[in-house]
C-alpha atoms as a PDB file:
ATOM      1  CA  MET A   1     316.992 118.184 155.455  1.00  0.00           C
ATOM      2  CA  ASN A   2     320.014 118.479 153.000  1.00  0.00           C
ATOM      3  CA  GLN A   3     319.901 115.327 150.778  1.00  0.00           C
ATOM      4  CA  GLU A   4     322.502 115.828 148.275  1.00  0.00           C
ATOM      5  CA  PHE A   5     323.479 112.413 148.067  1.00  0.00           C
ATOM      6  CA  SER A   6     320.042 110.871 147.861  1.00  0.00           C
ATOM      7  CA  GLY A   7     320.087 108.048 145.285  1.00  0.00           C
ATOM      8  CA  ARG A   8     323.751 107.733 145.306  1.00  0.00           C
ATOM      9  CA  ALA A   9     325.982 104.878 146.491  1.00  0.00           C
ATOM     10  CA  ALA A  10     329.121 105.395 148.504  1.00  0.00           C
ATOM     11  CA  VAL A  11     331.948 102.978 149.710  1.00  0.00           C
ATOM     12  CA  VAL A  12     334.068 104.135 152.737  1.00  0.00           C
ATOM     13  CA  THR A  13     336.900 102.117 154.243  1.00  0.00           C
ATOM     14  CA  GLY A  14     337.511 102.187 157.752  1.00  0.00           C
ATOM     15  CA  SER A  15     334.735 101.126 160.435  1.00  0.00           C
ATOM     16  CA  SER A  16     335.916 103.511 163.200  1.00  0.00           C
ATOM     17  CA  GLY A  17     337.401 106.777 163.824  1.00  0.00           C
ATOM     18  CA  ILE A  18     337.264 109.247 160.678  1.00  0.00           C
ATOM     19  CA  GLY A  19     335.913 106.409 158.386  1.00  0.00           C
ATOM     20  CA  LEU A  20     332.972 105.573 160.449  1.00  0.00           C
ATOM     21  CA  GLY A  21     332.440 109.430 161.079  1.00  0.00           C
ATOM     22  CA  VAL A  22     332.481 109.988 157.130  1.00  0.00           C
ATOM     23  CA  ALA A  23     329.931 107.126 156.457  1.00  0.00           C
ATOM     24  CA  ARG A  24     327.589 108.459 159.223  1.00  0.00           C
ATOM     25  CA  LYS A  25     327.820 112.052 157.659  1.00  0.00           C
ATOM     26  CA  LEU A  26     327.124 110.705 154.046  1.00  0.00           C
ATOM     27  CA  ALA A  27     324.361 108.521 155.126  1.00  0.00           C
ATOM     28  CA  GLY A  28     322.731 111.544 156.845  1.00  0.00           C
ATOM     29  CA  LEU A  29     322.941 113.510 153.467  1.00  0.00           C
ATOM     30  CA  GLY A  30     320.969 110.584 151.760  1.00  0.00           C
ATOM     31  CA  ALA A  31     323.639 108.231 150.501  1.00  0.00           C
ATOM     32  CA  LYS A  32     323.442 104.428 150.628  1.00  0.00           C
ATOM     33  CA  VAL A  33     326.776 103.752 152.238  1.00  0.00           C
ATOM     34  CA  PHE A  34     328.892 100.483 152.201  1.00  0.00           C
ATOM     35  CA  VAL A  35     331.773 100.302 154.758  1.00  0.00           C
ATOM     36  CA  CYS A  36     334.641  97.988 154.575  1.00  0.00           C
ATOM     37  CA  GLY A  37     336.290  97.070 157.717  1.00  0.00           C
ATOM     38  CA  ASN A  38     338.822  94.486 158.790  1.00  0.00           C
ATOM     39  CA  ASP A  39     338.493  94.419 162.447  1.00  0.00           C
ATOM     40  CA  PRO A  40     335.542  92.300 163.745  1.00  0.00           C
ATOM     41  CA  ASP A  41     335.237  94.195 167.133  1.00  0.00           C
ATOM     42  CA  HIS A  42     335.274  97.734 165.502  1.00  0.00           C
ATOM     43  CA  ASN A  43     332.739  96.390 162.731  1.00  0.00           C
ATOM     44  CA  SER A  44     330.356  94.927 165.512  1.00  0.00           C
ATOM     45  CA  ARG A  45     330.416  98.148 167.349  1.00  0.00           C
ATOM     46  CA  ALA A  46     329.821 100.278 164.211  1.00  0.00           C
ATOM     47  CA  ARG A  47     326.891  98.190 163.156  1.00  0.00           C
ATOM     48  CA  ALA A  48     325.286  98.927 166.575  1.00  0.00           C
ATOM     49  CA  GLU A  49     325.981 102.473 166.394  1.00  0.00           C
ATOM     50  CA  THR A  50     324.720 102.839 162.709  1.00  0.00           C
ATOM     51  CA  ALA A  51     321.717 100.502 163.081  1.00  0.00           C
ATOM     52  CA  ASP A  52     319.261 103.436 162.403  1.00  0.00           C
ATOM     53  CA  GLN A  53     321.081 104.575 159.400  1.00  0.00           C
ATOM     54  CA  SER A  54     321.304 103.495 155.643  1.00  0.00           C
ATOM     55  CA  ILE A  55     324.826 101.863 156.429  1.00  0.00           C
ATOM     56  CA  GLU A  56     325.987  98.245 155.641  1.00  0.00           C
ATOM     57  CA  ILE A  57     329.314  97.150 157.263  1.00  0.00           C
ATOM     58  CA  GLU A  58     331.289  94.446 155.880  1.00  0.00           C
ATOM     59  CA  ASP A  59     334.271  92.419 156.972  1.00  0.00           C
ATOM     60  CA  VAL A  60     336.839  93.259 154.149  1.00  0.00           C
ATOM     61  CA  ASP A  61     340.543  93.524 154.561  1.00  0.00           C
ATOM     62  CA  VAL A  62     341.255  96.322 152.026  1.00  0.00           C
ATOM     63  CA  GLY A  63     344.881  95.503 151.509  1.00  0.00           C
ATOM     64  CA  ASP A  64     343.997  92.089 150.091  1.00  0.00           C
ATOM     65  CA  GLU A  65     343.159  92.005 146.629  1.00  0.00           C
ATOM     66  CA  GLY A  66     341.038  88.829 146.668  1.00  0.00           C
ATOM     67  CA  GLN A  67     338.997  90.159 149.430  1.00  0.00           C
ATOM     68  CA  VAL A  68     338.486  93.567 147.590  1.00  0.00           C
ATOM     69  CA  VAL A  69     337.494  91.765 144.363  1.00  0.00           C
ATOM     70  CA  GLY A  70     334.870  89.549 146.392  1.00  0.00           C
ATOM     71  CA  PHE A  71     333.421  92.752 148.286  1.00  0.00           C
ATOM     72  CA  VAL A  72     333.024  94.473 144.836  1.00  0.00           C
ATOM     73  CA  ARG A  73     331.577  91.478 143.256  1.00  0.00           C
ATOM     74  CA  ARG A  74     328.870  91.226 146.113  1.00  0.00           C
ATOM     75  CA  LEU A  75     328.346  95.247 145.855  1.00  0.00           C
ATOM     76  CA  ALA A  76     327.657  94.690 142.098  1.00  0.00           C
ATOM     77  CA  SER A  77     324.749  92.610 142.851  1.00  0.00           C
ATOM     78  CA  ARG A  78     323.333  95.435 145.022  1.00  0.00           C
ATOM     79  CA  VAL A  79     323.809  98.561 143.070  1.00  0.00           C
ATOM     80  CA  SER A  80     324.607  99.322 139.423  1.00  0.00           C
ATOM     81  CA  ASP A  81     326.582 102.565 140.304  1.00  0.00           C
ATOM     82  CA  VAL A  82     328.941 103.729 142.577  1.00  0.00           C
ATOM     83  CA  HIS A  83     329.149 107.566 142.990  1.00  0.00           C
ATOM     84  CA  VAL A  84     331.586 108.132 145.793  1.00  0.00           C
ATOM     85  CA  LEU A  85     334.547 106.153 147.420  1.00  0.00           C
ATOM     86  CA  VAL A  86     336.392 107.420 150.572  1.00  0.00           C
ATOM     87  CA  ASN A  87     339.552 105.732 151.448  1.00  0.00           C
ATOM     88  CA  ALA A  88     340.073 106.255 155.128  1.00  0.00           C
ATOM     89  CA  ALA A  89     341.469 102.940 156.358  1.00  0.00           C
ATOM     90  CA  ALA A  90     344.877 103.583 158.103  1.00  0.00           C
ATOM     91  CA  ILE A  91     347.319 102.450 160.913  1.00  0.00           C
ATOM     92  CA  GLN A  92     350.178 104.400 162.789  1.00  0.00           C
ATOM     93  CA  PRO A  93     352.742 102.327 164.208  1.00  0.00           C
ATOM     94  CA  TYR A  94     355.835 104.153 165.461  1.00  0.00           C
ATOM     95  CA  GLY A  95     359.512 103.729 164.578  1.00  0.00           C
ATOM     96  CA  ASN A  96     362.394 105.339 162.665  1.00  0.00           C
ATOM     97  CA  ILE A  97     364.680 103.687 159.818  1.00  0.00           C
ATOM     98  CA  GLU A  98     366.475 101.802 162.487  1.00  0.00           C
ATOM     99  CA  THR A  99     363.646 100.630 164.420  1.00  0.00           C
ATOM    100  CA  THR A 100     360.898  99.994 161.878  1.00  0.00           C
ATOM    101  CA  THR A 101     360.987  96.189 160.869  1.00  0.00           C
ATOM    102  CA  PRO A 102     360.439  95.239 157.140  1.00  0.00           C
ATOM    103  CA  ASP A 103     357.249  93.442 158.351  1.00  0.00           C
ATOM    104  CA  THR A 104     355.816  96.854 159.971  1.00  0.00           C
ATOM    105  CA  TRP A 105     356.894  98.690 156.906  1.00  0.00           C
ATOM    106  CA  ASP A 106     354.912  96.370 154.622  1.00  0.00           C
ATOM    107  CA  MET A 107     351.872  96.277 156.706  1.00  0.00           C
ATOM    108  CA  VAL A 108     351.679 100.070 156.752  1.00  0.00           C
ATOM    109  CA  MET A 109     352.009 100.390 153.080  1.00  0.00           C
ATOM    110  CA  ARG A 110     349.451  97.665 152.581  1.00  0.00           C
ATOM    111  CA  VAL A 111     346.863  99.167 154.839  1.00  0.00           C
ATOM    112  CA  ASN A 112     347.413 102.854 154.206  1.00  0.00           C
ATOM    113  CA  LEU A 113     348.467 102.951 150.688  1.00  0.00           C
ATOM    114  CA  LYS A 114     347.738  99.707 148.798  1.00  0.00           C
ATOM    115  CA  SER A 115     344.084  99.857 150.090  1.00  0.00           C
ATOM    116  CA  CYS A 116     343.722 103.337 148.135  1.00  0.00           C
ATOM    117  CA  TYR A 117     345.029 101.684 145.083  1.00  0.00           C
ATOM    118  CA  LEU A 118     342.971  98.287 145.345  1.00  0.00           C
ATOM    119  CA  MET A 119     339.729  99.828 145.993  1.00  0.00           C
ATOM    120  CA  SER A 120     339.912 102.633 143.384  1.00  0.00           C
ATOM    121  CA  HIS A 121     341.267 100.203 140.972  1.00  0.00           C
ATOM    122  CA  THR A 122     338.442  97.653 141.594  1.00  0.00           C
ATOM    123  CA  LEU A 123     335.723 100.092 141.985  1.00  0.00           C
ATOM    124  CA  TYR A 124     336.624 102.255 139.013  1.00  0.00           C
ATOM    125  CA  PRO A 125     334.398 100.574 136.388  1.00  0.00           C
ATOM    126  CA  TRP A 126     331.445 101.025 138.354  1.00  0.00           C
ATOM    127  CA  MET A 127     332.339 104.689 138.958  1.00  0.00           C
ATOM    128  CA  LYS A 128     333.776 106.097 135.634  1.00  0.00           C
ATOM    129  CA  GLY A 129     331.054 108.001 133.563  1.00  0.00           C
ATOM    130  CA  ARG A 130     328.649 108.292 136.535  1.00  0.00           C
ATOM    131  CA  PRO A 131     327.559 111.951 137.233  1.00  0.00           C
ATOM    132  CA  ASN A 132     329.540 113.681 139.912  1.00  0.00           C
ATOM    133  CA  ALA A 133     331.641 110.525 140.606  1.00  0.00           C
ATOM    134  CA  SER A 134     334.391 111.319 143.340  1.00  0.00           C
ATOM    135  CA  ILE A 135     337.102 109.648 145.066  1.00  0.00           C
ATOM    136  CA  VAL A 136     338.490 111.116 148.402  1.00  0.00           C
ATOM    137  CA  HIS A 137     341.641 109.586 149.899  1.00  0.00           C
ATOM    138  CA  LEU A 138     342.384 110.423 153.509  1.00  0.00           C
ATOM    139  CA  ALA A 139     346.097 111.519 153.811  1.00  0.00           C
ATOM    140  CA  SER A 140     347.699 113.535 156.679  1.00  0.00           C
ATOM    141  CA  VAL A 141     349.567 116.542 157.313  1.00  0.00           C
ATOM    142  CA  GLN A 142     352.470 114.002 158.088  1.00  0.00           C
ATOM    143  CA  GLY A 143     352.651 113.496 154.430  1.00  0.00           C
ATOM    144  CA  HIS A 144     354.107 117.052 154.025  1.00  0.00           C
ATOM    145  CA  CYS A 145     356.006 117.547 157.385  1.00  0.00           C
ATOM    146  CA  ASN A 146     356.154 115.060 160.263  1.00  0.00           C
ATOM    147  CA  GLN A 147     357.047 114.076 163.879  1.00  0.00           C
ATOM    148  CA  ARG A 148     359.867 111.899 165.005  1.00  0.00           C
ATOM    149  CA  ASP A 149     359.345 108.265 164.670  1.00  0.00           C
ATOM    150  CA  VAL A 150     356.373 107.860 162.333  1.00  0.00           C
ATOM    151  CA  MET A 151     358.679 107.151 159.215  1.00  0.00           C
ATOM    152  CA  ALA A 152     356.403 104.451 157.605  1.00  0.00           C
ATOM    153  CA  TYR A 153     353.083 106.155 158.180  1.00  0.00           C
ATOM    154  CA  ALA A 154     354.508 109.656 156.868  1.00  0.00           C
ATOM    155  CA  THR A 155     355.903 107.823 153.818  1.00  0.00           C
ATOM    156  CA  SER A 156     352.484 106.344 153.156  1.00  0.00           C
ATOM    157  CA  LYS A 157     350.558 109.604 153.410  1.00  0.00           C
ATOM    158  CA  GLY A 158     352.966 111.295 151.211  1.00  0.00           C
ATOM    159  CA  ALA A 159     352.623 108.633 148.764  1.00  0.00           C
ATOM    160  CA  ILE A 160     348.880 109.014 148.915  1.00  0.00           C
ATOM    161  CA  HIS A 161     349.401 112.704 147.875  1.00  0.00           C
ATOM    162  CA  ALA A 162     351.339 111.667 144.725  1.00  0.00           C
ATOM    163  CA  LEU A 163     348.683 109.023 144.038  1.00  0.00           C
ATOM    164  CA  THR A 164     345.862 111.556 144.297  1.00  0.00           C
ATOM    165  CA  ARG A 165     347.404 113.990 141.632  1.00  0.00           C
ATOM    166  CA  ALA A 166     348.153 110.944 139.299  1.00  0.00           C
ATOM    167  CA  MET A 167     344.722 109.727 139.526  1.00  0.00           C
ATOM    168  CA  ALA A 168     343.076 113.225 139.171  1.00  0.00           C
ATOM    169  CA  VAL A 169     345.022 113.730 135.790  1.00  0.00           C
ATOM    170  CA  ASP A 170     344.011 110.320 134.509  1.00  0.00           C
ATOM    171  CA  CYS A 171     340.458 110.058 135.701  1.00  0.00           C
ATOM    172  CA  ALA A 172     339.239 113.436 134.660  1.00  0.00           C
ATOM    173  CA  ARG A 173     338.674 112.132 131.109  1.00  0.00           C
ATOM    174  CA  ASP A 174     336.214 109.815 132.784  1.00  0.00           C
ATOM    175  CA  GLY A 175     334.430 112.574 134.977  1.00  0.00           C
ATOM    176  CA  VAL A 176     335.766 111.059 138.194  1.00  0.00           C
ATOM    177  CA  ARG A 177     337.137 113.562 140.446  1.00  0.00           C
ATOM    178  CA  VAL A 178     340.164 112.621 143.002  1.00  0.00           C
ATOM    179  CA  ASN A 179     341.164 114.723 145.952  1.00  0.00           C
ATOM    180  CA  SER A 180     342.768 114.055 149.321  1.00  0.00           C
ATOM    181  CA  VAL A 181     342.245 115.470 152.702  1.00  0.00           C
ATOM    182  CA  SER A 182     345.055 116.012 155.393  1.00  0.00           C
ATOM    183  CA  PRO A 183     344.010 116.192 158.850  1.00  0.00           C
ATOM    184  CA  GLY A 184     346.170 117.454 161.803  1.00  0.00           C
ATOM    185  CA  SER A 185     345.270 116.161 165.296  1.00  0.00           C
ATOM    186  CA  ILE A 186     341.817 114.760 165.314  1.00  0.00           C
ATOM    187  CA  HIS A 187     340.189 113.250 168.183  1.00  0.00           C
ATOM    188  CA  THR A 188     340.159 109.425 167.427  1.00  0.00           C
ATOM    189  CA  ALA A 189     341.183 106.309 168.988  1.00  0.00           C
ATOM    190  CA  MET A 190     344.269 106.427 167.073  1.00  0.00           C
ATOM    191  CA  LEU A 191     345.333 109.906 168.508  1.00  0.00           C
ATOM    192  CA  GLU A 192     344.372 108.680 172.132  1.00  0.00           C
ATOM    193  CA  PHE A 193     346.841 105.730 171.318  1.00  0.00           C
ATOM    194  CA  ALA A 194     349.632 108.136 170.458  1.00  0.00           C
ATOM    195  CA  ALA A 195     348.873 110.350 173.669  1.00  0.00           C
ATOM    196  CA  ARG A 196     349.122 106.998 175.684  1.00  0.00           C
ATOM    197  CA  ALA A 197     352.502 106.251 173.968  1.00  0.00           C
ATOM    198  CA  LEU A 198     353.668 109.858 174.498  1.00  0.00           C
ATOM    199  CA  THR A 199     352.522 110.384 178.122  1.00  0.00           C
ATOM    200  CA  PRO A 200     355.330 109.939 180.790  1.00  0.00           C
ATOM    201  CA  PRO A 201     354.659 107.340 183.723  1.00  0.00           C
ATOM    202  CA  GLY A 202     352.316 109.066 186.055  1.00  0.00           C
ATOM    203  CA  GLY A 203     351.496 111.935 183.475  1.00  0.00           C
ATOM    204  CA  SER A 204     347.812 112.647 182.281  1.00  0.00           C
ATOM    205  CA  ILE A 205     346.727 111.673 178.892  1.00  0.00           C
ATOM    206  CA  ASP A 206     344.500 114.461 178.915  1.00  0.00           C
ATOM    207  CA  GLU A 207     347.216 116.813 179.502  1.00  0.00           C
ATOM    208  CA  THR A 208     348.993 115.234 176.465  1.00  0.00           C
ATOM    209  CA  LEU A 209     345.910 115.645 174.260  1.00  0.00           C
ATOM    210  CA  ARG A 210     345.765 119.379 175.286  1.00  0.00           C
ATOM    211  CA  GLY A 211     349.547 119.592 174.251  1.00  0.00           C
ATOM    212  CA  PHE A 212     348.527 118.352 170.990  1.00  0.00           C
ATOM    213  CA  GLY A 213     345.754 120.904 170.577  1.00  0.00           C
ATOM    214  CA  ASN A 214     348.184 123.866 171.523  1.00  0.00           C
ATOM    215  CA  SER A 215     350.509 123.050 169.067  1.00  0.00           C
ATOM    216  CA  HIS A 216     347.807 124.151 166.477  1.00  0.00           C
ATOM    217  CA  PRO A 217     347.198 127.893 165.870  1.00  0.00           C
ATOM    218  CA  ILE A 218     343.543 127.417 166.617  1.00  0.00           C
ATOM    219  CA  GLY A 219     344.549 126.045 169.824  1.00  0.00           C
ATOM    220  CA  ARG A 220     342.639 122.738 169.935  1.00  0.00           C
ATOM    221  CA  ILE A 221     342.542 119.479 168.239  1.00  0.00           C
ATOM    222  CA  GLY A 222     339.751 118.719 165.542  1.00  0.00           C
ATOM    223  CA  THR A 223     336.772 116.693 165.470  1.00  0.00           C
ATOM    224  CA  ILE A 224     335.923 113.592 163.610  1.00  0.00           C
ATOM    225  CA  GLU A 225     332.727 115.709 162.284  1.00  0.00           C
ATOM    226  CA  GLU A 226     334.986 118.409 161.126  1.00  0.00           C
ATOM    227  CA  VAL A 227     336.818 116.247 158.728  1.00  0.00           C
ATOM    228  CA  ALA A 228     333.637 114.469 157.635  1.00  0.00           C
ATOM    229  CA  GLU A 229     332.163 117.820 156.655  1.00  0.00           C
ATOM    230  CA  LEU A 230     335.193 118.391 154.305  1.00  0.00           C
ATOM    231  CA  VAL A 231     335.062 115.037 152.963  1.00  0.00           C
ATOM    232  CA  ALA A 232     331.352 115.261 152.052  1.00  0.00           C
ATOM    233  CA  PHE A 233     331.925 118.612 150.372  1.00  0.00           C
ATOM    234  CA  LEU A 234     334.659 117.042 148.075  1.00  0.00           C
ATOM    235  CA  ALA A 235     332.630 113.943 147.375  1.00  0.00           C
ATOM    236  CA  GLY A 236     329.446 115.929 146.443  1.00  0.00           C
ATOM    237  CA  PRO A 237     328.538 118.117 143.413  1.00  0.00           C
ATOM    238  CA  ARG A 238     329.234 121.541 145.062  1.00  0.00           C
ATOM    239  CA  SER A 239     332.919 120.728 144.574  1.00  0.00           C
ATOM    240  CA  GLY A 240     332.628 120.037 140.887  1.00  0.00           C
ATOM    241  CA  PHE A 241     335.531 122.048 139.707  1.00  0.00           C
ATOM    242  CA  CYS A 242     338.002 120.587 142.365  1.00  0.00           C
ATOM    243  CA  THR A 243     340.251 117.712 141.528  1.00  0.00           C
ATOM    244  CA  GLY A 244     343.939 116.750 142.136  1.00  0.00           C
ATOM    245  CA  GLY A 245     344.083 118.959 145.362  1.00  0.00           C
ATOM    246  CA  ASP A 246     344.935 118.171 148.976  1.00  0.00           C
ATOM    247  CA  TYR A 247     342.838 119.863 151.488  1.00  0.00           C
ATOM    248  CA  PRO A 248     343.976 120.563 154.948  1.00  0.00           C
ATOM    249  CA  VAL A 249     341.803 120.323 157.982  1.00  0.00           C
ATOM    250  CA  ASP A 250     344.503 120.829 160.637  1.00  0.00           C
ATOM    251  CA  GLY A 251     343.557 124.062 162.582  1.00  0.00           C
ATOM    252  CA  GLY A 252     346.462 126.102 160.842  1.00  0.00           C
ATOM    253  CA  LEU A 253     349.167 123.283 161.862  1.00  0.00           C
ATOM    254  CA  ARG A 254     350.908 123.317 158.429  1.00  0.00           C
ATOM    255  CA  ALA A 255     350.803 126.849 158.065  1.00  0.00           C
ATOM    256  CA  GLN A 256     353.008 127.541 161.102  1.00  0.00           C
ATOM    257  CA  LEU A 257     356.769 127.708 161.553  1.00  0.00           C
ATOM    258  CA  GLY A 258     357.747 125.509 164.533  1.00  0.00           C
ATOM    259  CA  VAL A 259     360.421 128.204 165.832  1.00  0.00           C
END
């Protein structure tokens, strides 16, 4: 069995969807994984699902500086080094410039963007100078081009692309690589929520999901496992010359003209 992360500690934000999928992938490759999630129900389910893996799940609001600092202090008593950080926590409310309230805007930036900064900033002393240290931010194709009525979400993901480039340039001197991954439509609870919101009364959510898939050149939506494979590659030593990049896992969506 491939154990390329054996003896390495990884921190992942988000205890459901892509975050949990990444945590399970890294643990399967030998890592000791610490997951931060702010939803107690998601955390409880995740603990039950990962009881047989080397995964610990903590209740942490990753957009709150005090809670992040407290988590890192507890972590420092458990491990001396952190080799991998994957920032996957995200929310996607709907709204445009007219309908998005200031509170919604602030919440999206707090969860999607500020959390990437806080986790990276606070964990960095335990990562710099460590062999093959890597940070991966989960961005989105919507940071490049977006649908209607996802203004705050798309803005936060575009900012993650910029944060990735800035961090990669600064962190290279300390041997820490930084990359982002931009998924297209991936079969998660978040995507199902979007499908419910966009399905007309009496319509089929499954049909809406198939429509999402058909908009990708590959002709289907992606899986959490496919995203986790790419994240694991970028987090590990096989991608040692990759930093500052954004890597699509979108079934060709961004390569296609919508005309």
